Amino acid sequence: MIKELMSQYYDLKDKILRVENTLAEKMAPYAHLVNKLKQIPGIDEILAMGIISEATADMSRFEDERKFAAWAGVAAGNNESAGKKKSKRRKGNPHLARILIQVAQNAKAKRGSFYRAKYNKLRFKLGSANKAKVAIANRIARAIYKIIAGDDYKEIGYARACENEDKIRMLVNQLKALGVSIKHEGHQKIVSHKKIKIDDTGVQIA
């Protein structure tokens, strides 16, 4: 029986390897994006391929990263666990949403990552593990948009520990209360960059 089970195991392993090799061949033109996406905690090569397959490499159809996150099905307000929506039905890409939830699940388990620290903080603040997970998936979706769009975004995957940030913020507030003028820049935030529309004459449209 063990021999039979091991034979089935190796057979399935070979089939998975053949599929992965085929995927790698198909994704060869996007290898640079796959490598960049793998910088995000929780994303491995297969998940990166799945993200590009669902999202494509063209972000021009989205106004900004928030619109992309909404299209991906992980906008604020979604209550989702393992890809299963528990709130009312929302528009979006359910396949990409499942991938992003899986990435968020992986990211929150990675020690030392920004997403793990942020998840723990949001879980306490929101009082829901599912909402916190979707919130992390939303942040990851916005980071994915940045990478695929070609922006230089360096904050991905690491940040100052949230505990230190909270202490620094508290001390800065105390100094301000004493009349001390001080400016502190915490870890980088994802900032929305709306596209500039130009008419046929080359003039920017408001």
C-alpha atoms as a PDB file:
ATOM      1  CA  MET A   1       0.000   0.000   0.000  1.00  0.00           C
ATOM      2  CA  ILE A   2       2.839   2.382   0.866  1.00  0.00           C
ATOM      3  CA  LYS A   3       4.502   1.656  -2.482  1.00  0.00           C
ATOM      4  CA  GLU A   4       1.244   2.394  -4.294  1.00  0.00           C
ATOM      5  CA  LEU A   5       0.766   5.658  -2.393  1.00  0.00           C
ATOM      6  CA  MET A   6       4.352   6.718  -3.050  1.00  0.00           C
ATOM      7  CA  SER A   7       3.895   5.906  -6.735  1.00  0.00           C
ATOM      8  CA  GLN A   8       0.812   8.141  -6.856  1.00  0.00           C
ATOM      9  CA  TYR A   9       2.697  10.859  -4.979  1.00  0.00           C
ATOM     10  CA  TYR A  10       5.595  10.894  -7.436  1.00  0.00           C
ATOM     11  CA  ASP A  11       3.184  10.781 -10.380  1.00  0.00           C
ATOM     12  CA  LEU A  12       1.307  13.840  -9.098  1.00  0.00           C
ATOM     13  CA  LYS A  13       4.602  15.562  -8.330  1.00  0.00           C
ATOM     14  CA  ASP A  14       5.741  15.039 -11.920  1.00  0.00           C
ATOM     15  CA  LYS A  15       2.438  16.401 -13.261  1.00  0.00           C
ATOM     16  CA  ILE A  16       2.703  19.493 -11.048  1.00  0.00           C
ATOM     17  CA  LEU A  17       6.283  20.028 -12.219  1.00  0.00           C
ATOM     18  CA  ARG A  18       5.201  19.811 -15.877  1.00  0.00           C
ATOM     19  CA  VAL A  19       2.451  22.364 -15.275  1.00  0.00           C
ATOM     20  CA  GLU A  20       4.857  24.687 -13.447  1.00  0.00           C
ATOM     21  CA  ASN A  21       7.381  24.411 -16.287  1.00  0.00           C
ATOM     22  CA  THR A  22       4.666  25.252 -18.818  1.00  0.00           C
ATOM     23  CA  LEU A  23       3.634  28.237 -16.705  1.00  0.00           C
ATOM     24  CA  ALA A  24       7.251  29.399 -16.507  1.00  0.00           C
ATOM     25  CA  GLU A  25       7.525  29.260 -20.315  1.00  0.00           C
ATOM     26  CA  LYS A  26       4.297  31.216 -20.785  1.00  0.00           C
ATOM     27  CA  MET A  27       5.347  33.788 -18.189  1.00  0.00           C
ATOM     28  CA  ALA A  28       8.875  34.267 -19.554  1.00  0.00           C
ATOM     29  CA  PRO A  29       8.061  37.756 -20.971  1.00  0.00           C
ATOM     30  CA  TYR A  30       6.963  38.804 -17.475  1.00  0.00           C
ATOM     31  CA  ALA A  31       9.855  37.270 -15.534  1.00  0.00           C
ATOM     32  CA  HIS A  32      11.014  40.697 -14.355  1.00  0.00           C
ATOM     33  CA  LEU A  33       7.581  41.387 -12.846  1.00  0.00           C
ATOM     34  CA  VAL A  34       7.470  37.967 -11.217  1.00  0.00           C
ATOM     35  CA  ASN A  35      10.812  38.653  -9.530  1.00  0.00           C
ATOM     36  CA  LYS A  36       9.638  42.068  -8.342  1.00  0.00           C
ATOM     37  CA  LEU A  37       6.369  40.731  -6.978  1.00  0.00           C
ATOM     38  CA  LYS A  38       8.267  38.068  -5.050  1.00  0.00           C
ATOM     39  CA  GLN A  39       9.764  40.883  -2.961  1.00  0.00           C
ATOM     40  CA  ILE A  40       6.400  41.215  -1.233  1.00  0.00           C
ATOM     41  CA  PRO A  41       6.128  38.961   1.831  1.00  0.00           C
ATOM     42  CA  GLY A  42       3.693  36.124   1.153  1.00  0.00           C
ATOM     43  CA  ILE A  43       4.195  35.998  -2.617  1.00  0.00           C
ATOM     44  CA  ASP A  44       6.090  33.106  -4.153  1.00  0.00           C
ATOM     45  CA  GLU A  45       6.701  32.421  -7.824  1.00  0.00           C
ATOM     46  CA  ILE A  46       3.431  30.562  -8.425  1.00  0.00           C
ATOM     47  CA  LEU A  47       1.332  33.227  -6.688  1.00  0.00           C
ATOM     48  CA  ALA A  48       3.170  35.945  -8.633  1.00  0.00           C
ATOM     49  CA  MET A  49       2.314  34.171 -11.876  1.00  0.00           C
ATOM     50  CA  GLY A  50      -1.314  33.897 -10.797  1.00  0.00           C
ATOM     51  CA  ILE A  51      -1.457  37.608  -9.976  1.00  0.00           C
ATOM     52  CA  ILE A  52      -0.082  38.613 -13.383  1.00  0.00           C
ATOM     53  CA  SER A  53      -2.366  36.121 -15.139  1.00  0.00           C
ATOM     54  CA  GLU A  54      -5.442  37.662 -13.507  1.00  0.00           C
ATOM     55  CA  ALA A  55      -4.388  41.313 -13.318  1.00  0.00           C
ATOM     56  CA  THR A  56      -2.331  41.424 -16.544  1.00  0.00           C
ATOM     57  CA  ALA A  57       0.685  43.698 -16.863  1.00  0.00           C
ATOM     58  CA  ASP A  58      -1.348  46.721 -17.958  1.00  0.00           C
ATOM     59  CA  MET A  59      -2.389  49.072 -15.157  1.00  0.00           C
ATOM     60  CA  SER A  60      -3.409  51.913 -17.491  1.00  0.00           C
ATOM     61  CA  ARG A  61      -7.082  50.926 -17.250  1.00  0.00           C
ATOM     62  CA  PHE A  62      -7.117  51.745 -13.531  1.00  0.00           C
ATOM     63  CA  GLU A  63      -7.169  55.337 -12.308  1.00  0.00           C
ATOM     64  CA  ASP A  64      -5.038  54.544  -9.261  1.00  0.00           C
ATOM     65  CA  GLU A  65      -4.071  51.716  -6.902  1.00  0.00           C
ATOM     66  CA  ARG A  66      -7.266  52.054  -4.867  1.00  0.00           C
ATOM     67  CA  LYS A  67      -9.404  51.466  -7.945  1.00  0.00           C
ATOM     68  CA  PHE A  68      -7.267  48.421  -8.709  1.00  0.00           C
ATOM     69  CA  ALA A  69      -7.756  47.060  -5.181  1.00  0.00           C
ATOM     70  CA  ALA A  70     -11.513  47.564  -5.522  1.00  0.00           C
ATOM     71  CA  TRP A  71     -11.523  45.739  -8.869  1.00  0.00           C
ATOM     72  CA  ALA A  72      -9.498  42.945  -7.264  1.00  0.00           C
ATOM     73  CA  GLY A  73     -12.283  42.454  -4.726  1.00  0.00           C
ATOM     74  CA  VAL A  74     -10.370  43.490  -1.605  1.00  0.00           C
ATOM     75  CA  ALA A  75     -11.686  47.014  -1.112  1.00  0.00           C
ATOM     76  CA  ALA A  76     -12.360  48.258   2.400  1.00  0.00           C
ATOM     77  CA  GLY A  77     -15.545  46.729   3.777  1.00  0.00           C
ATOM     78  CA  ASN A  78     -15.132  43.269   2.285  1.00  0.00           C
ATOM     79  CA  ASN A  79     -15.408  40.503   4.851  1.00  0.00           C
ATOM     80  CA  GLU A  80     -13.691  37.508   3.390  1.00  0.00           C
ATOM     81  CA  SER A  81     -12.060  34.347   4.646  1.00  0.00           C
ATOM     82  CA  ALA A  82     -10.064  32.013   2.417  1.00  0.00           C
ATOM     83  CA  GLY A  83     -11.609  33.626  -0.622  1.00  0.00           C
ATOM     84  CA  LYS A  84     -15.216  33.220   0.558  1.00  0.00           C
ATOM     85  CA  LYS A  85     -17.134  36.480   0.842  1.00  0.00           C
ATOM     86  CA  LYS A  86     -19.379  36.718   3.891  1.00  0.00           C
ATOM     87  CA  SER A  87     -20.855  40.126   3.128  1.00  0.00           C
ATOM     88  CA  LYS A  88     -23.069  41.129   0.246  1.00  0.00           C
ATOM     89  CA  ARG A  89     -21.817  40.369  -3.247  1.00  0.00           C
ATOM     90  CA  ARG A  90     -19.362  42.933  -4.605  1.00  0.00           C
ATOM     91  CA  LYS A  91     -17.953  43.552  -8.025  1.00  0.00           C
ATOM     92  CA  GLY A  92     -14.412  42.422  -8.625  1.00  0.00           C
ATOM     93  CA  ASN A  93     -12.230  39.573  -9.753  1.00  0.00           C
ATOM     94  CA  PRO A  94     -12.981  36.618  -7.425  1.00  0.00           C
ATOM     95  CA  HIS A  95      -9.974  34.641  -8.670  1.00  0.00           C
ATOM     96  CA  LEU A  96      -7.551  37.482  -7.928  1.00  0.00           C
ATOM     97  CA  ALA A  97      -9.297  38.113  -4.598  1.00  0.00           C
ATOM     98  CA  ARG A  98      -8.645  34.513  -3.544  1.00  0.00           C
ATOM     99  CA  ILE A  99      -4.985  34.850  -4.502  1.00  0.00           C
ATOM    100  CA  LEU A 100      -4.627  38.097  -2.542  1.00  0.00           C
ATOM    101  CA  ILE A 101      -6.281  36.590   0.530  1.00  0.00           C
ATOM    102  CA  GLN A 102      -3.805  33.691   0.295  1.00  0.00           C
ATOM    103  CA  VAL A 103      -0.941  36.176   0.022  1.00  0.00           C
ATOM    104  CA  ALA A 104      -2.257  38.072   3.055  1.00  0.00           C
ATOM    105  CA  GLN A 105      -2.491  34.793   4.970  1.00  0.00           C
ATOM    106  CA  ASN A 106       1.152  34.045   4.120  1.00  0.00           C
ATOM    107  CA  ALA A 107       2.327  37.610   4.809  1.00  0.00           C
ATOM    108  CA  LYS A 108       0.784  37.817   8.257  1.00  0.00           C
ATOM    109  CA  ALA A 109       2.643  34.654   9.222  1.00  0.00           C
ATOM    110  CA  LYS A 110       6.035  36.016   8.125  1.00  0.00           C
ATOM    111  CA  ARG A 111       7.966  37.251  11.122  1.00  0.00           C
ATOM    112  CA  GLY A 112       9.560  40.662  10.883  1.00  0.00           C
ATOM    113  CA  SER A 113       7.370  41.802   8.007  1.00  0.00           C
ATOM    114  CA  PHE A 114       5.379  45.018   7.958  1.00  0.00           C
ATOM    115  CA  TYR A 115       2.229  43.123   7.031  1.00  0.00           C
ATOM    116  CA  ARG A 116       2.478  40.829  10.061  1.00  0.00           C
ATOM    117  CA  ALA A 117       2.795  43.780  12.425  1.00  0.00           C
ATOM    118  CA  LYS A 118       0.006  45.662  10.651  1.00  0.00           C
ATOM    119  CA  TYR A 119      -2.285  42.617  10.718  1.00  0.00           C
ATOM    120  CA  ASN A 120      -1.853  42.185  14.471  1.00  0.00           C
ATOM    121  CA  LYS A 121      -2.632  45.858  15.004  1.00  0.00           C
ATOM    122  CA  LEU A 122      -5.684  45.837  12.722  1.00  0.00           C
ATOM    123  CA  ARG A 123      -7.026  42.623  14.217  1.00  0.00           C
ATOM    124  CA  PHE A 124      -7.086  44.283  17.635  1.00  0.00           C
ATOM    125  CA  LYS A 125      -8.473  47.552  16.256  1.00  0.00           C
ATOM    126  CA  LEU A 126     -11.169  46.026  14.026  1.00  0.00           C
ATOM    127  CA  GLY A 127     -11.994  43.126  16.320  1.00  0.00           C
ATOM    128  CA  SER A 128     -12.081  40.721  13.389  1.00  0.00           C
ATOM    129  CA  ALA A 129      -9.383  38.481  11.943  1.00  0.00           C
ATOM    130  CA  ASN A 130     -11.212  38.341   8.579  1.00  0.00           C
ATOM    131  CA  LYS A 131     -11.485  42.133   8.262  1.00  0.00           C
ATOM    132  CA  ALA A 132      -7.829  42.512   9.208  1.00  0.00           C
ATOM    133  CA  LYS A 133      -6.844  39.940   6.595  1.00  0.00           C
ATOM    134  CA  VAL A 134      -8.826  41.704   3.879  1.00  0.00           C
ATOM    135  CA  ALA A 135      -7.244  45.009   4.919  1.00  0.00           C
ATOM    136  CA  ILE A 136      -3.791  43.466   4.469  1.00  0.00           C
ATOM    137  CA  ALA A 137      -4.850  42.025   1.103  1.00  0.00           C
ATOM    138  CA  ASN A 138      -5.952  45.545   0.149  1.00  0.00           C
ATOM    139  CA  ARG A 139      -2.542  46.994   1.027  1.00  0.00           C
ATOM    140  CA  ILE A 140      -0.807  44.213  -0.872  1.00  0.00           C
ATOM    141  CA  ALA A 141      -3.027  44.822  -3.918  1.00  0.00           C
ATOM    142  CA  ARG A 142      -2.034  48.488  -3.878  1.00  0.00           C
ATOM    143  CA  ALA A 143       1.626  47.526  -3.634  1.00  0.00           C
ATOM    144  CA  ILE A 144       1.162  45.147  -6.577  1.00  0.00           C
ATOM    145  CA  TYR A 145      -0.322  47.977  -8.623  1.00  0.00           C
ATOM    146  CA  LYS A 146       2.749  50.096  -7.858  1.00  0.00           C
ATOM    147  CA  ILE A 147       5.148  47.374  -8.980  1.00  0.00           C
ATOM    148  CA  ILE A 148       3.320  46.439 -12.175  1.00  0.00           C
ATOM    149  CA  ALA A 149       2.843  50.121 -13.041  1.00  0.00           C
ATOM    150  CA  GLY A 150       6.604  50.536 -12.796  1.00  0.00           C
ATOM    151  CA  ASP A 151       6.796  52.906  -9.840  1.00  0.00           C
ATOM    152  CA  ASP A 152       9.821  52.838  -7.552  1.00  0.00           C
ATOM    153  CA  TYR A 153       8.308  51.686  -4.298  1.00  0.00           C
ATOM    154  CA  LYS A 154      10.779  50.590  -1.624  1.00  0.00           C
ATOM    155  CA  GLU A 155       8.623  50.129   1.456  1.00  0.00           C
ATOM    156  CA  ILE A 156       7.373  46.685   0.437  1.00  0.00           C
ATOM    157  CA  GLY A 157       8.165  43.868   2.814  1.00  0.00           C
ATOM    158  CA  TYR A 158       9.782  45.760   5.639  1.00  0.00           C
ATOM    159  CA  ALA A 159       9.099  48.615   7.983  1.00  0.00           C
ATOM    160  CA  ARG A 160       9.993  49.855  11.408  1.00  0.00           C
ATOM    161  CA  ALA A 161       8.276  47.773  14.073  1.00  0.00           C
ATOM    162  CA  CYS A 162       4.815  49.082  14.851  1.00  0.00           C
ATOM    163  CA  GLU A 163       5.608  49.073  18.575  1.00  0.00           C
ATOM    164  CA  ASN A 164       8.471  51.508  17.983  1.00  0.00           C
ATOM    165  CA  GLU A 165       6.329  53.658  15.718  1.00  0.00           C
ATOM    166  CA  ASP A 166       3.663  53.902  18.406  1.00  0.00           C
ATOM    167  CA  LYS A 167       6.232  54.903  21.032  1.00  0.00           C
ATOM    168  CA  ILE A 168       7.789  57.474  18.701  1.00  0.00           C
ATOM    169  CA  ARG A 169       4.370  58.911  17.847  1.00  0.00           C
ATOM    170  CA  MET A 170       3.497  59.189  21.529  1.00  0.00           C
ATOM    171  CA  LEU A 171       6.771  60.958  22.347  1.00  0.00           C
ATOM    172  CA  VAL A 172       6.411  63.290  19.362  1.00  0.00           C
ATOM    173  CA  ASN A 173       2.904  64.226  20.525  1.00  0.00           C
ATOM    174  CA  GLN A 174       4.232  64.898  24.018  1.00  0.00           C
ATOM    175  CA  LEU A 175       6.943  67.170  22.605  1.00  0.00           C
ATOM    176  CA  LYS A 176       4.397  69.026  20.495  1.00  0.00           C
ATOM    177  CA  ALA A 177       2.212  69.474  23.563  1.00  0.00           C
ATOM    178  CA  LEU A 178       5.190  71.164  25.235  1.00  0.00           C
ATOM    179  CA  GLY A 179       5.497  73.555  22.318  1.00  0.00           C
ATOM    180  CA  VAL A 180       8.402  71.837  20.574  1.00  0.00           C
ATOM    181  CA  SER A 181       8.249  71.981  16.782  1.00  0.00           C
ATOM    182  CA  ILE A 182       9.209  68.578  15.440  1.00  0.00           C
ATOM    183  CA  LYS A 183       8.544  66.590  12.299  1.00  0.00           C
ATOM    184  CA  HIS A 184       8.841  62.806  12.166  1.00  0.00           C
ATOM    185  CA  GLU A 185       8.536  60.659   9.039  1.00  0.00           C
ATOM    186  CA  GLY A 186       7.373  57.145   9.823  1.00  0.00           C
ATOM    187  CA  HIS A 187       7.546  54.186   7.445  1.00  0.00           C
ATOM    188  CA  GLN A 188       6.604  55.073   3.891  1.00  0.00           C
ATOM    189  CA  LYS A 189       2.946  55.048   3.010  1.00  0.00           C
ATOM    190  CA  ILE A 190       1.273  54.063  -0.214  1.00  0.00           C
ATOM    191  CA  VAL A 191       0.224  57.286  -1.897  1.00  0.00           C
ATOM    192  CA  SER A 192      -2.354  57.481  -4.645  1.00  0.00           C
ATOM    193  CA  HIS A 193      -1.098  58.855  -7.948  1.00  0.00           C
ATOM    194  CA  LYS A 194      -3.976  59.790 -10.216  1.00  0.00           C
ATOM    195  CA  LYS A 195      -3.311  59.804 -13.910  1.00  0.00           C
ATOM    196  CA  ILE A 196      -2.985  63.168 -15.654  1.00  0.00           C
ATOM    197  CA  LYS A 197      -5.350  63.438 -18.619  1.00  0.00           C
ATOM    198  CA  ILE A 198      -4.150  65.343 -21.663  1.00  0.00           C
ATOM    199  CA  ASP A 199      -6.384  66.518 -24.497  1.00  0.00           C
ATOM    200  CA  ASP A 200      -5.511  66.485 -28.197  1.00  0.00           C
ATOM    201  CA  THR A 201      -3.825  69.901 -27.944  1.00  0.00           C
ATOM    202  CA  GLY A 202      -1.518  68.756 -25.145  1.00  0.00           C
ATOM    203  CA  VAL A 203      -3.353  70.701 -22.408  1.00  0.00           C
ATOM    204  CA  GLN A 204      -3.981  69.016 -19.075  1.00  0.00           C
ATOM    205  CA  ILE A 205      -7.630  68.262 -18.390  1.00  0.00           C
ATOM    206  CA  ALA A 206      -8.778  69.146 -14.866  1.00  0.00           C
END
